[in-house]
Amino acid sequence: METLTVEEKILHLRVAAMEEARAEGNAIMKRHEDALKKLAEQHKEEATRQSETRIKAESVNARQQLNMAMSKAQLELKREIGAMHKDLKKQLFHEVELKLREFMKTEEYRDLLVKYIEKAAQFAGGEEMTIYINPTDADRKTYLEEHTGMELTISKEDFVGGVRAVIHKRNILIDHAYKGALESEYQKFLFRGGSAIG
C-alpha cells in the first residue's frame, strides 16, 4: 500500500469534496426544477379551470340573453298580432253592422219582425205584455200591428233592430234585439287558426 503525500491527500480530498458538492448541487437543482415544473403544471391546470369556468359562465350568460331576446320578441309579436286582431275584429263587425242595416231595409226583415212578435205573444199566452220595436222601425209600426194584431210601442232606446217584449206579471224579458246579440258575438268572437294569442 502506497502512502500518499499530504498534497496528494489534499488533492484527493478536494476531488472527493468537489464530486460530493457537485452531486448535492445537482440534487438541489433537480428538486428545484421538479418543484418549478409542478408549480407550472398547477398554474396551467388552474388557468385551464378558470378558462373553462369563464367559458361556461359566458355560454350561460349568452344563452340567457338569447332567451330573453327571444321572449321579448315573442311578446312583441303577440302584442302586434293582438292589436291586428283587434283592428280586424272592429272592421269585421263594422261590416256586419252595415250588412245588418242593409238587411233591415228588406221585406225579409219585416217578415222576421212579424215572427218575433207572434212568438212573443204565443209565449205570453194572453198575459199582459209590452212589445217594443226599435226607433228605426217606427215606419213599420202600423204594418206590424195589422199583421200581428198586437199593440206595439216604439222604444226610446236604440237597440239596433229586432224586437223586445216584457211580460210584466212574470217579470220576463223576451229579447230579440240585435244590439245585445251583436255585442255578445263581438265578445265571443276569436280568430281561428295559427297559434292562440293570449
Protein backbone atom coordinates (compact mmCIF):
# COMPACT_ATOMS: atom_id res chain seq x y z
CA MET A 1 0.00 0.00 0.00
CA GLU A 2 1.41 3.21 -1.06
CA THR A 3 1.48 6.17 1.23
CA LEU A 4 0.15 9.41 -0.02
CA THR A 5 1.83 12.66 0.47
CA VAL A 6 -0.01 15.49 2.13
CA GLU A 7 -0.51 17.24 -1.20
CA GLU A 8 -1.93 14.11 -2.74
CA LYS A 9 -4.23 13.67 0.23
CA ILE A 10 -5.38 17.27 -0.07
CA LEU A 11 -5.92 16.82 -3.82
CA HIS A 12 -7.78 13.58 -3.26
CA LEU A 13 -9.89 15.21 -0.57
CA ARG A 14 -10.55 18.20 -2.78
CA VAL A 15 -11.68 15.99 -5.71
CA ALA A 16 -13.94 13.96 -3.39
CA ALA A 17 -15.38 17.15 -1.86
CA MET A 18 -16.00 18.64 -5.31
CA GLU A 19 -17.75 15.49 -6.52
CA GLU A 20 -19.90 15.41 -3.39
CA ALA A 21 -20.68 19.16 -3.73
CA ARG A 22 -21.48 18.69 -7.44
CA ALA A 23 -23.79 15.74 -6.67
CA GLU A 24 -25.50 17.68 -3.90
CA GLY A 25 -25.82 20.78 -6.15
CA ASN A 26 -27.28 18.63 -8.94
CA ALA A 27 -29.76 17.10 -6.47
CA ILE A 28 -30.78 20.58 -5.24
CA MET A 29 -31.19 21.81 -8.81
CA LYS A 30 -33.22 18.70 -9.72
CA ARG A 31 -35.51 19.22 -6.71
CA HIS A 32 -35.87 22.91 -7.58
CA GLU A 33 -36.57 22.07 -11.26
CA ASP A 34 -39.18 19.45 -10.23
CA ALA A 35 -40.83 21.94 -7.85
CA LEU A 36 -40.93 24.56 -10.64
CA LYS A 37 -42.38 22.03 -13.11
CA LYS A 38 -45.03 21.01 -10.56
CA LEU A 39 -45.84 24.67 -9.86
CA ALA A 40 -46.04 25.40 -13.59
CA GLU A 41 -48.36 22.37 -14.08
CA GLN A 42 -50.59 23.51 -11.19
CA HIS A 43 -50.68 27.03 -12.62
CA LYS A 44 -51.56 25.66 -16.07
CA GLU A 45 -54.35 23.46 -14.60
CA GLU A 46 -55.71 26.43 -12.60
CA ALA A 47 -55.62 28.68 -15.68
CA THR A 48 -57.39 25.99 -17.74
CA ARG A 49 -60.00 25.51 -14.99
CA GLN A 50 -60.59 29.28 -14.78
CA SER A 51 -60.86 29.49 -18.59
CA GLU A 52 -63.40 26.64 -18.68
CA THR A 53 -65.37 28.24 -15.85
CA ARG A 54 -65.33 31.61 -17.63
CA ILE A 55 -66.37 29.96 -20.94
CA LYS A 56 -69.23 28.12 -19.18
CA ALA A 57 -70.35 31.33 -17.46
CA GLU A 58 -70.19 33.27 -20.75
CA SER A 59 -72.13 30.48 -22.51
CA VAL A 60 -74.82 30.52 -19.81
CA ASN A 61 -74.94 34.32 -19.97
CA ALA A 62 -75.19 34.28 -23.79
CA ARG A 63 -77.95 31.63 -23.62
CA GLN A 64 -79.85 33.69 -21.05
CA GLN A 65 -79.54 36.84 -23.16
CA LEU A 66 -80.70 34.92 -26.24
CA ASN A 67 -83.68 33.51 -24.31
CA MET A 68 -84.55 36.97 -23.01
CA ALA A 69 -84.32 38.43 -26.52
CA MET A 70 -86.50 35.62 -27.89
CA SER A 71 -89.08 36.06 -25.11
CA LYS A 72 -89.16 39.81 -25.72
CA ALA A 73 -89.57 39.27 -29.49
CA GLN A 74 -92.35 36.70 -28.93
CA LEU A 75 -94.13 39.05 -26.53
CA GLU A 76 -93.85 41.93 -29.01
CA LEU A 77 -95.11 39.69 -31.81
CA LYS A 78 -98.07 38.56 -29.67
CA ARG A 79 -98.82 42.20 -28.88
CA GLU A 80 -98.70 43.15 -32.56
CA ILE A 81 -100.86 40.19 -33.58
CA GLY A 82 -103.31 41.00 -30.76
CA ALA A 83 -103.57 44.62 -31.95
CA MET A 84 -104.01 43.46 -35.54
CA HIS A 85 -106.74 41.00 -34.46
CA LYS A 86 -108.47 43.80 -32.56
CA ASP A 87 -108.43 46.09 -35.60
CA LEU A 88 -109.60 43.33 -37.94
CA LYS A 89 -112.35 42.38 -35.49
CA LYS A 90 -113.58 46.01 -35.37
CA GLN A 91 -113.53 46.21 -39.17
CA LEU A 92 -115.34 42.89 -39.48
CA PHE A 93 -118.09 43.86 -37.04
CA HIS A 94 -118.44 47.27 -38.69
CA GLU A 95 -119.08 45.43 -41.96
CA VAL A 96 -121.52 43.07 -40.19
CA GLU A 97 -123.39 46.08 -38.82
CA LEU A 98 -123.55 47.67 -42.29
CA LYS A 99 -124.88 44.41 -43.77
CA LEU A 100 -127.39 44.15 -40.90
CA ARG A 101 -128.62 47.69 -41.61
CA GLU A 102 -128.98 46.76 -45.29
CA PHE A 103 -130.92 43.62 -44.28
CA MET A 104 -133.20 45.76 -42.09
CA LYS A 105 -134.40 47.57 -45.22
CA THR A 106 -135.76 44.33 -46.75
CA GLU A 107 -139.17 42.65 -46.66
CA GLU A 108 -137.41 39.60 -45.21
CA TYR A 109 -136.53 41.63 -42.11
CA ARG A 110 -140.11 42.96 -41.85
CA ASP A 111 -141.40 39.34 -42.00
CA LEU A 112 -138.88 38.35 -39.34
CA LEU A 113 -140.23 41.08 -37.03
CA VAL A 114 -143.74 39.65 -37.53
CA LYS A 115 -142.43 36.19 -36.49
CA TYR A 116 -140.68 37.63 -33.39
CA ILE A 117 -143.89 39.43 -32.32
CA GLU A 118 -146.06 36.34 -32.90
CA LYS A 119 -143.62 34.11 -30.92
CA ALA A 120 -143.58 36.59 -28.02
CA ALA A 121 -147.42 36.75 -27.98
CA GLN A 122 -147.60 32.95 -28.08
CA PHE A 123 -145.10 32.67 -25.20
CA ALA A 124 -147.06 35.21 -23.12
CA GLY A 125 -150.21 33.12 -23.56
CA GLY A 126 -152.56 36.10 -23.30
CA GLU A 127 -150.82 37.72 -20.32
CA GLU A 128 -150.32 41.48 -20.41
CA MET A 129 -147.08 42.49 -22.06
CA THR A 130 -145.39 45.39 -23.80
CA ILE A 131 -143.76 44.77 -27.16
CA TYR A 132 -141.07 47.24 -28.20
CA ILE A 133 -139.79 47.86 -31.69
CA ASN A 134 -136.65 49.85 -32.48
CA PRO A 135 -136.98 53.59 -33.27
CA THR A 136 -135.57 52.87 -36.76
CA ASP A 137 -138.62 50.61 -37.39
CA ALA A 138 -141.20 53.28 -36.44
CA ASP A 139 -142.40 53.48 -40.06
CA ARG A 140 -143.30 49.74 -39.90
CA LYS A 141 -145.41 50.05 -36.72
CA THR A 142 -148.79 50.16 -38.49
CA TYR A 143 -147.91 47.28 -40.83
CA LEU A 144 -146.67 45.12 -37.94
CA GLU A 145 -149.72 45.85 -35.75
CA GLU A 146 -152.06 44.97 -38.64
CA HIS A 147 -150.25 41.69 -39.39
CA THR A 148 -149.86 40.54 -35.78
CA GLY A 149 -152.91 42.02 -34.06
CA MET A 150 -150.62 43.26 -31.28
CA GLU A 151 -150.18 46.79 -29.99
CA LEU A 152 -146.56 47.90 -30.32
CA THR A 153 -144.50 50.54 -28.52
CA ILE A 154 -141.60 52.38 -30.12
CA SER A 155 -138.62 52.06 -27.79
CA LYS A 156 -136.82 55.18 -26.54
CA GLU A 157 -133.60 53.15 -26.61
CA ASP A 158 -131.95 52.24 -29.92
CA PHE A 159 -131.33 48.50 -29.74
CA VAL A 160 -130.21 48.41 -33.43
CA GLY A 161 -133.16 46.31 -34.63
CA GLY A 162 -135.35 43.34 -33.76
CA VAL A 163 -137.97 43.18 -31.00
CA ARG A 164 -138.07 43.24 -27.20
CA ALA A 165 -141.09 42.20 -25.17
CA VAL A 166 -141.73 42.41 -21.42
CA ILE A 167 -144.26 40.14 -19.68
CA HIS A 168 -144.91 42.29 -16.61
CA LYS A 169 -146.62 39.72 -14.34
CA ARG A 170 -143.76 37.22 -14.64
CA ASN A 171 -141.07 39.89 -14.99
CA ILE A 172 -139.75 38.23 -18.17
CA LEU A 173 -137.84 39.96 -20.96
CA ILE A 174 -138.01 38.36 -24.39
CA ASP A 175 -135.01 39.78 -26.20
CA HIS A 176 -134.72 39.51 -29.97
CA ALA A 177 -132.80 42.81 -30.14
CA TYR A 178 -129.78 42.92 -32.43
CA LYS A 179 -127.68 45.21 -30.22
CA GLY A 180 -127.23 42.62 -27.45
CA ALA A 181 -126.69 39.83 -29.98
CA LEU A 182 -124.00 41.85 -31.79
CA GLU A 183 -122.25 42.74 -28.52
CA SER A 184 -122.36 39.12 -27.37
CA GLU A 185 -120.93 37.87 -30.67
CA TYR A 186 -118.26 40.58 -30.56
CA GLN A 187 -117.16 39.45 -27.08
CA LYS A 188 -117.13 35.75 -28.05
CA PHE A 189 -115.51 36.18 -31.45
CA LEU A 190 -111.99 34.79 -31.85
CA PHE A 191 -109.88 34.35 -34.96
CA ARG A 192 -109.30 30.65 -35.61
CA GLY A 193 -106.10 29.09 -36.91
CA GLY A 194 -102.47 29.75 -36.18
CA SER A 195 -101.23 29.86 -32.63
CA ALA A 196 -103.58 31.17 -29.98
CA ILE A 197 -103.00 34.71 -28.85
CA GLY A 198 -103.48 35.27 -25.16
